[in-house]
PDB file of N, CA and C in Angstrom:
ATOM      1  N   UNK A   1     -51.936 -47.034 -36.545  1.00  0.00           N
ATOM      2  CA  UNK A   1     -51.709 -46.088 -35.468  1.00  0.00           C
ATOM      3  C   UNK A   1     -50.282 -45.543 -35.537  1.00  0.00           C
ATOM      4  N   UNK A   2     -49.317 -46.416 -35.786  1.00  0.00           N
ATOM      5  CA  UNK A   2     -47.928 -45.970 -35.867  1.00  0.00           C
ATOM      6  C   UNK A   2     -47.767 -44.962 -37.000  1.00  0.00           C
ATOM      7  N   UNK A   3     -48.395 -45.247 -38.147  1.00  0.00           N
ATOM      8  CA  UNK A   3     -48.330 -44.325 -39.282  1.00  0.00           C
ATOM      9  C   UNK A   3     -48.879 -42.955 -38.898  1.00  0.00           C
ATOM     10  N   UNK A   4     -49.993 -42.921 -38.204  1.00  0.00           N
ATOM     11  CA  UNK A   4     -50.614 -41.659 -37.796  1.00  0.00           C
ATOM     12  C   UNK A   4     -49.638 -40.817 -36.972  1.00  0.00           C
ATOM     13  N   UNK A   5     -49.011 -41.429 -35.984  1.00  0.00           N
ATOM     14  CA  UNK A   5     -48.106 -40.676 -35.122  1.00  0.00           C
ATOM     15  C   UNK A   5     -46.817 -40.300 -35.842  1.00  0.00           C
ATOM     16  N   UNK A   6     -46.352 -41.136 -36.758  1.00  0.00           N
ATOM     17  CA  UNK A   6     -45.169 -40.800 -37.539  1.00  0.00           C
ATOM     18  C   UNK A   6     -45.437 -39.593 -38.426  1.00  0.00           C
ATOM     19  N   UNK A   7     -46.632 -39.530 -38.998  1.00  0.00           N
ATOM     20  CA  UNK A   7     -46.986 -38.429 -39.902  1.00  0.00           C
ATOM     21  C   UNK A   7     -47.254 -37.116 -39.163  1.00  0.00           C
ATOM     22  N   UNK A   8     -47.302 -37.152 -37.838  1.00  0.00           N
ATOM     23  CA  UNK A   8     -47.422 -35.906 -37.070  1.00  0.00           C
ATOM     24  C   UNK A   8     -46.145 -35.078 -37.144  1.00  0.00           C
ATOM     25  N   UNK A   9     -45.054 -35.691 -37.528  1.00  0.00           N
ATOM     26  CA  UNK A   9     -43.769 -34.998 -37.597  1.00  0.00           C
ATOM     27  C   UNK A   9     -43.566 -34.423 -39.001  1.00  0.00           C
ATOM     28  N   UNK A  10     -43.527 -33.098 -39.133  1.00  0.00           N
ATOM     29  CA  UNK A  10     -43.390 -32.498 -40.463  1.00  0.00           C
ATOM     30  C   UNK A  10     -42.032 -32.763 -41.119  1.00  0.00           C
ATOM     31  N   UNK A  11     -41.044 -33.208 -40.343  1.00  0.00           N
ATOM     32  CA  UNK A  11     -39.712 -33.491 -40.878  1.00  0.00           C
ATOM     33  C   UNK A  11     -39.639 -34.853 -41.565  1.00  0.00           C
ATOM     34  N   UNK A  12     -40.697 -35.663 -41.432  1.00  0.00           N
ATOM     35  CA  UNK A  12     -40.714 -37.017 -41.988  1.00  0.00           C
ATOM     36  C   UNK A  12     -41.504 -37.013 -43.289  1.00  0.00           C
ATOM     37  N   UNK A  13     -40.907 -37.602 -44.325  1.00  0.00           N
ATOM     38  CA  UNK A  13     -41.560 -37.693 -45.622  1.00  0.00           C
ATOM     39  C   UNK A  13     -42.633 -38.769 -45.653  1.00  0.00           C
ATOM     40  N   UNK A  14     -43.258 -38.902 -46.795  1.00  0.00           N
ATOM     41  CA  UNK A  14     -44.346 -39.872 -46.957  1.00  0.00           C
ATOM     42  C   UNK A  14     -43.844 -41.285 -47.199  1.00  0.00           C
ATOM     43  N   UNK A  15     -42.545 -41.456 -47.386  1.00  0.00           N
ATOM     44  CA  UNK A  15     -41.981 -42.767 -47.681  1.00  0.00           C
ATOM     45  C   UNK A  15     -41.306 -43.311 -46.443  1.00  0.00           C
ATOM     46  N   UNK A  16     -41.762 -44.462 -45.995  1.00  0.00           N
ATOM     47  CA  UNK A  16     -41.195 -45.084 -44.801  1.00  0.00           C
ATOM     48  C   UNK A  16     -41.524 -46.572 -44.822  1.00  0.00           C
ATOM     49  N   UNK A  17     -40.782 -47.333 -44.030  1.00  0.00           N
ATOM     50  CA  UNK A  17     -41.046 -48.756 -43.826  1.00  0.00           C
ATOM     51  C   UNK A  17     -41.066 -49.028 -42.337  1.00  0.00           C
ATOM     52  N   UNK A  18     -41.893 -49.946 -41.931  1.00  0.00           N
ATOM     53  CA  UNK A  18     -41.938 -50.420 -40.553  1.00  0.00           C
ATOM     54  C   UNK A  18     -41.490 -51.879 -40.590  1.00  0.00           C
ATOM     55  N   UNK A  19     -40.421 -52.189 -39.887  1.00  0.00           N
ATOM     56  CA  UNK A  19     -39.889 -53.552 -39.900  1.00  0.00           C
ATOM     57  C   UNK A  19     -39.949 -54.129 -38.497  1.00  0.00           C
ATOM     58  N   UNK A  20     -40.526 -55.308 -38.405  1.00  0.00           N
ATOM     59  CA  UNK A  20     -40.655 -55.998 -37.132  1.00  0.00           C
ATOM     60  C   UNK A  20     -39.818 -57.268 -37.197  1.00  0.00           C
ATOM     61  N   UNK A  21     -38.880 -57.389 -36.265  1.00  0.00           N
ATOM     62  CA  UNK A  21     -37.994 -58.541 -36.226  1.00  0.00           C
ATOM     63  C   UNK A  21     -37.857 -59.007 -34.782  1.00  0.00           C
ATOM     64  N   UNK A  22     -38.417 -60.181 -34.499  1.00  0.00           N
ATOM     65  CA  UNK A  22     -38.351 -60.752 -33.153  1.00  0.00           C
ATOM     66  C   UNK A  22     -38.875 -59.777 -32.100  1.00  0.00           C
ATOM     67  N   UNK A  23     -39.975 -59.121 -32.423  1.00  0.00           N
ATOM     68  CA  UNK A  23     -40.607 -58.206 -31.486  1.00  0.00           C
ATOM     69  C   UNK A  23     -39.980 -56.822 -31.406  1.00  0.00           C
ATOM     70  N   UNK A  24     -38.971 -56.566 -32.218  1.00  0.00           N
ATOM     71  CA  UNK A  24     -38.300 -55.269 -32.206  1.00  0.00           C
ATOM     72  C   UNK A  24     -38.701 -54.478 -33.452  1.00  0.00           C
ATOM     73  N   UNK A  25     -39.196 -53.255 -33.246  1.00  0.00           N
ATOM     74  CA  UNK A  25     -39.650 -52.401 -34.341  1.00  0.00           C
ATOM     75  C   UNK A  25     -38.523 -51.491 -34.812  1.00  0.00           C
ATOM     76  N   UNK A  26     -38.328 -51.459 -36.116  1.00  0.00           N
ATOM     77  CA  UNK A  26     -37.419 -50.506 -36.739  1.00  0.00           C
ATOM     78  C   UNK A  26     -38.224 -49.687 -37.735  1.00  0.00           C
ATOM     79  N   UNK A  27     -38.110 -48.384 -37.628  1.00  0.00           N
ATOM     80  CA  UNK A  27     -38.757 -47.476 -38.567  1.00  0.00           C
ATOM     81  C   UNK A  27     -37.686 -46.947 -39.504  1.00  0.00           C
ATOM     82  N   UNK A  28     -37.868 -47.160 -40.793  1.00  0.00           N
ATOM     83  CA  UNK A  28     -37.005 -46.571 -41.804  1.00  0.00           C
ATOM     84  C   UNK A  28     -37.795 -45.426 -42.414  1.00  0.00           C
ATOM     85  N   UNK A  29     -37.243 -44.215 -42.349  1.00  0.00           N
ATOM     86  CA  UNK A  29     -37.986 -43.046 -42.815  1.00  0.00           C
ATOM     87  C   UNK A  29     -37.090 -42.136 -43.647  1.00  0.00           C
ATOM     88  N   UNK A  30     -37.733 -41.374 -44.511  1.00  0.00           N
ATOM     89  CA  UNK A  30     -37.021 -40.356 -45.283  1.00  0.00           C
ATOM     90  C   UNK A  30     -37.298 -38.979 -44.693  1.00  0.00           C
ATOM     91  N   UNK A  31     -36.322 -38.112 -44.852  1.00  0.00           N
ATOM     92  CA  UNK A  31     -36.488 -36.721 -44.416  1.00  0.00           C
ATOM     93  C   UNK A  31     -37.390 -35.972 -45.398  1.00  0.00           C
ATOM     94  N   UNK A  32     -38.003 -34.909 -44.887  1.00  0.00           N
ATOM     95  CA  UNK A  32     -38.807 -34.044 -45.742  1.00  0.00           C
ATOM     96  C   UNK A  32     -38.572 -32.600 -45.330  1.00  0.00           C
ATOM     97  N   UNK A  33     -37.958 -31.843 -46.204  1.00  0.00           N
ATOM     98  CA  UNK A  33     -37.754 -30.403 -45.992  1.00  0.00           C
ATOM     99  C   UNK A  33     -37.317 -30.073 -44.570  1.00  0.00           C
ATOM    100  N   UNK A  34     -36.197 -30.621 -44.167  1.00  0.00           N
ATOM    101  CA  UNK A  34     -35.690 -30.370 -42.826  1.00  0.00           C
ATOM    102  C   UNK A  34     -34.191 -30.136 -42.864  1.00  0.00           C
ATOM    103  N   UNK A  35     -33.718 -29.361 -41.937  1.00  0.00           N
ATOM    104  CA  UNK A  35     -32.288 -29.138 -41.801  1.00  0.00           C
ATOM    105  C   UNK A  35     -31.687 -30.037 -40.725  1.00  0.00           C
ATOM    106  N   UNK A  36     -32.510 -30.882 -40.103  1.00  0.00           N
ATOM    107  CA  UNK A  36     -32.011 -31.786 -39.077  1.00  0.00           C
ATOM    108  C   UNK A  36     -31.071 -32.818 -39.689  1.00  0.00           C
ATOM    109  N   UNK A  37     -30.042 -33.153 -38.957  1.00  0.00           N
ATOM    110  CA  UNK A  37     -29.163 -34.237 -39.400  1.00  0.00           C
ATOM    111  C   UNK A  37     -29.920 -35.553 -39.267  1.00  0.00           C
ATOM    112  N   UNK A  38     -29.409 -36.587 -39.917  1.00  0.00           N
ATOM    113  CA  UNK A  38     -30.047 -37.897 -39.813  1.00  0.00           C
ATOM    114  C   UNK A  38     -30.123 -38.344 -38.355  1.00  0.00           C
ATOM    115  N   UNK A  39     -29.042 -38.120 -37.615  1.00  0.00           N
ATOM    116  CA  UNK A  39     -28.981 -38.533 -36.209  1.00  0.00           C
ATOM    117  C   UNK A  39     -30.031 -37.792 -35.368  1.00  0.00           C
ATOM    118  N   UNK A  40     -30.166 -36.490 -35.588  1.00  0.00           N
ATOM    119  CA  UNK A  40     -31.131 -35.701 -34.817  1.00  0.00           C
ATOM    120  C   UNK A  40     -32.568 -36.058 -35.178  1.00  0.00           C
ATOM    121  N   UNK A  41     -32.818 -36.317 -36.454  1.00  0.00           N
ATOM    122  CA  UNK A  41     -34.168 -36.698 -36.859  1.00  0.00           C
ATOM    123  C   UNK A  41     -34.527 -38.072 -36.296  1.00  0.00           C
ATOM    124  N   UNK A  42     -33.588 -39.003 -36.323  1.00  0.00           N
ATOM    125  CA  UNK A  42     -33.845 -40.336 -35.761  1.00  0.00           C
ATOM    126  C   UNK A  42     -34.168 -40.222 -34.272  1.00  0.00           C
ATOM    127  N   UNK A  43     -33.423 -39.397 -33.570  1.00  0.00           N
ATOM    128  CA  UNK A  43     -33.661 -39.189 -32.138  1.00  0.00           C
ATOM    129  C   UNK A  43     -35.046 -38.576 -31.915  1.00  0.00           C
ATOM    130  N   UNK A  44     -35.420 -37.613 -32.757  1.00  0.00           N
ATOM    131  CA  UNK A  44     -36.733 -36.959 -32.648  1.00  0.00           C
ATOM    132  C   UNK A  44     -37.860 -37.972 -32.871  1.00  0.00           C
ATOM    133  N   UNK A  45     -37.715 -38.845 -33.868  1.00  0.00           N
ATOM    134  CA  UNK A  45     -38.735 -39.851 -34.141  1.00  0.00           C
ATOM    135  C   UNK A  45     -38.843 -40.831 -32.979  1.00  0.00           C
ATOM    136  N   UNK A  46     -37.703 -41.308 -32.477  1.00  0.00           N
ATOM    137  CA  UNK A  46     -37.712 -42.244 -31.341  1.00  0.00           C
ATOM    138  C   UNK A  46     -38.430 -41.632 -30.140  1.00  0.00           C
ATOM    139  N   UNK A  47     -38.100 -40.384 -29.824  1.00  0.00           N
ATOM    140  CA  UNK A  47     -38.715 -39.707 -28.674  1.00  0.00           C
ATOM    141  C   UNK A  47     -40.213 -39.517 -28.902  1.00  0.00           C
ATOM    142  N   UNK A  48     -40.598 -39.129 -30.093  1.00  0.00           N
ATOM    143  CA  UNK A  48     -42.011 -38.900 -30.410  1.00  0.00           C
ATOM    144  C   UNK A  48     -42.813 -40.194 -30.241  1.00  0.00           C
ATOM    145  N   UNK A  49     -42.289 -41.297 -30.758  1.00  0.00           N
ATOM    146  CA  UNK A  49     -42.992 -42.580 -30.624  1.00  0.00           C
ATOM    147  C   UNK A  49     -43.081 -43.013 -29.169  1.00  0.00           C
ATOM    148  N   UNK A  50     -42.027 -42.795 -28.415  1.00  0.00           N
ATOM    149  CA  UNK A  50     -42.036 -43.154 -26.996  1.00  0.00           C
ATOM    150  C   UNK A  50     -43.056 -42.293 -26.237  1.00  0.00           C
ATOM    151  N   UNK A  51     -43.058 -40.985 -26.505  1.00  0.00           N
ATOM    152  CA  UNK A  51     -43.970 -40.069 -25.813  1.00  0.00           C
ATOM    153  C   UNK A  51     -45.429 -40.297 -26.189  1.00  0.00           C
ATOM    154  N   UNK A  52     -45.698 -40.537 -27.468  1.00  0.00           N
ATOM    155  CA  UNK A  52     -47.083 -40.623 -27.943  1.00  0.00           C
ATOM    156  C   UNK A  52     -47.737 -41.978 -27.689  1.00  0.00           C
ATOM    157  N   UNK A  53     -46.978 -43.066 -27.913  1.00  0.00           N
ATOM    158  CA  UNK A  53     -47.608 -44.382 -27.780  1.00  0.00           C
ATOM    159  C   UNK A  53     -46.794 -45.370 -26.950  1.00  0.00           C
ATOM    160  N   UNK A  54     -45.729 -44.903 -26.324  1.00  0.00           N
ATOM    161  CA  UNK A  54     -44.966 -45.741 -25.418  1.00  0.00           C
ATOM    162  C   UNK A  54     -44.158 -46.833 -26.087  1.00  0.00           C
ATOM    163  N   UNK A  55     -43.823 -46.646 -27.355  1.00  0.00           N
ATOM    164  CA  UNK A  55     -43.064 -47.657 -28.095  1.00  0.00           C
ATOM    165  C   UNK A  55     -41.596 -47.245 -28.197  1.00  0.00           C
ATOM    166  N   UNK A  56     -40.713 -48.146 -27.749  1.00  0.00           N
ATOM    167  CA  UNK A  56     -39.285 -47.987 -28.008  1.00  0.00           C
ATOM    168  C   UNK A  56     -39.020 -48.597 -29.371  1.00  0.00           C
ATOM    169  N   UNK A  57     -38.302 -47.887 -30.219  1.00  0.00           N
ATOM    170  CA  UNK A  57     -38.028 -48.425 -31.542  1.00  0.00           C
ATOM    171  C   UNK A  57     -36.664 -47.947 -32.029  1.00  0.00           C
ATOM    172  N   UNK A  58     -36.162 -48.642 -33.010  1.00  0.00           N
ATOM    173  CA  UNK A  58     -34.959 -48.204 -33.712  1.00  0.00           C
ATOM    174  C   UNK A  58     -35.427 -47.352 -34.881  1.00  0.00           C
ATOM    175  N   UNK A  59     -34.611 -46.372 -35.255  1.00  0.00           N
ATOM    176  CA  UNK A  59     -34.962 -45.527 -36.393  1.00  0.00           C
ATOM    177  C   UNK A  59     -33.750 -45.412 -37.306  1.00  0.00           C
ATOM    178  N   UNK A  60     -33.993 -45.629 -38.599  1.00  0.00           N
ATOM    179  CA  UNK A  60     -32.964 -45.485 -39.616  1.00  0.00           C
ATOM    180  C   UNK A  60     -33.469 -44.459 -40.620  1.00  0.00           C
ATOM    181  N   UNK A  61     -32.672 -43.434 -40.872  1.00  0.00           N
ATOM    182  CA  UNK A  61     -33.032 -42.428 -41.871  1.00  0.00           C
ATOM    183  C   UNK A  61     -32.382 -42.848 -43.180  1.00  0.00           C
ATOM    184  N   UNK A  62     -33.225 -42.992 -44.218  1.00  0.00           N
ATOM    185  CA  UNK A  62     -32.742 -43.415 -45.528  1.00  0.00           C
ATOM    186  C   UNK A  62     -33.181 -42.422 -46.588  1.00  0.00           C
ATOM    187  N   UNK A  63     -32.392 -42.326 -47.638  1.00  0.00           N
ATOM    188  CA  UNK A  63     -32.742 -41.479 -48.782  1.00  0.00           C
ATOM    189  C   UNK A  63     -33.148 -42.312 -49.992  1.00  0.00           C
ATOM    190  N   UNK A  64     -33.239 -43.625 -49.806  1.00  0.00           N
ATOM    191  CA  UNK A  64     -33.440 -44.493 -50.957  1.00  0.00           C
ATOM    192  C   UNK A  64     -34.576 -45.497 -50.781  1.00  0.00           C
ATOM    193  N   UNK A  65     -35.617 -45.118 -50.092  1.00  0.00           N
ATOM    194  CA  UNK A  65     -36.748 -46.027 -49.921  1.00  0.00           C
ATOM    195  C   UNK A  65     -37.469 -46.138 -51.269  1.00  0.00           C
ATOM    196  N   UNK A  66     -37.648 -47.371 -51.747  1.00  0.00           N
ATOM    197  CA  UNK A  66     -38.265 -47.564 -53.068  1.00  0.00           C
ATOM    198  C   UNK A  66     -39.680 -46.985 -53.140  1.00  0.00           C
ATOM    199  N   UNK A  67     -39.981 -46.376 -54.266  1.00  0.00           N
ATOM    200  CA  UNK A  67     -41.313 -45.838 -54.524  1.00  0.00           C
ATOM    201  C   UNK A  67     -42.176 -46.950 -55.107  1.00  0.00           C
ATOM    202  N   UNK A  68     -43.406 -46.996 -54.660  1.00  0.00           N
ATOM    203  CA  UNK A  68     -44.327 -47.969 -55.213  1.00  0.00           C
ATOM    204  C   UNK A  68     -45.543 -47.231 -55.757  1.00  0.00           C
ATOM    205  N   UNK A  69     -46.184 -47.836 -56.707  1.00  0.00           N
ATOM    206  CA  UNK A  69     -47.393 -47.257 -57.273  1.00  0.00           C
ATOM    207  C   UNK A  69     -48.546 -48.175 -56.903  1.00  0.00           C
ATOM    208  N   UNK A  70     -49.656 -47.587 -56.579  1.00  0.00           N
ATOM    209  CA  UNK A  70     -50.782 -48.375 -56.078  1.00  0.00           C
ATOM    210  C   UNK A  70     -50.654 -48.502 -54.560  1.00  0.00           C
ATOM    211  N   UNK A  71     -51.076 -49.622 -54.042  1.00  0.00           N
ATOM    212  CA  UNK A  71     -51.028 -49.842 -52.602  1.00  0.00           C
ATOM    213  C   UNK A  71     -49.584 -50.085 -52.162  1.00  0.00           C
ATOM    214  N   UNK A  72     -49.103 -49.263 -51.246  1.00  0.00           N
ATOM    215  CA  UNK A  72     -47.716 -49.346 -50.779  1.00  0.00           C
ATOM    216  C   UNK A  72     -47.562 -50.432 -49.724  1.00  0.00           C
ATOM    217  N   UNK A  73     -46.453 -51.149 -49.809  1.00  0.00           N
ATOM    218  CA  UNK A  73     -46.098 -52.104 -48.765  1.00  0.00           C
ATOM    219  C   UNK A  73     -45.221 -51.367 -47.771  1.00  0.00           C
ATOM    220  N   UNK A  74     -45.682 -51.254 -46.540  1.00  0.00           N
ATOM    221  CA  UNK A  74     -44.946 -50.485 -45.542  1.00  0.00           C
ATOM    222  C   UNK A  74     -44.487 -51.309 -44.364  1.00  0.00           C
ATOM    223  N   UNK A  75     -45.104 -52.457 -44.148  1.00  0.00           N
ATOM    224  CA  UNK A  75     -44.772 -53.264 -42.965  1.00  0.00           C
ATOM    225  C   UNK A  75     -44.108 -54.553 -43.437  1.00  0.00           C
ATOM    226  N   UNK A  76     -42.957 -54.840 -42.848  1.00  0.00           N
ATOM    227  CA  UNK A  76     -42.174 -56.023 -43.204  1.00  0.00           C
ATOM    228  C   UNK A  76     -41.843 -56.790 -41.929  1.00  0.00           C
ATOM    229  N   UNK A  77     -41.662 -58.088 -42.051  1.00  0.00           N
ATOM    230  CA  UNK A  77     -41.153 -58.860 -40.914  1.00  0.00           C
ATOM    231  C   UNK A  77     -40.179 -59.892 -41.409  1.00  0.00           C
TER     232      UNK A  77
END
């Protein structure tokens, strides 16, 4: 479900990680064809997740999320 709502944002690329630590969600995402700054995109993602599914989360914009071939590992704890 989180992936579905994250992919609704055209500024977010296909590479992302969801990290859960002690009940706190952090989304690490890459930009995709956007002029938004990292700070503005992170704010947009946080607001979108809060509005769509009521989840407060941390967001980190990264340019170096490892590429995987085959089934991608996206959720970490």
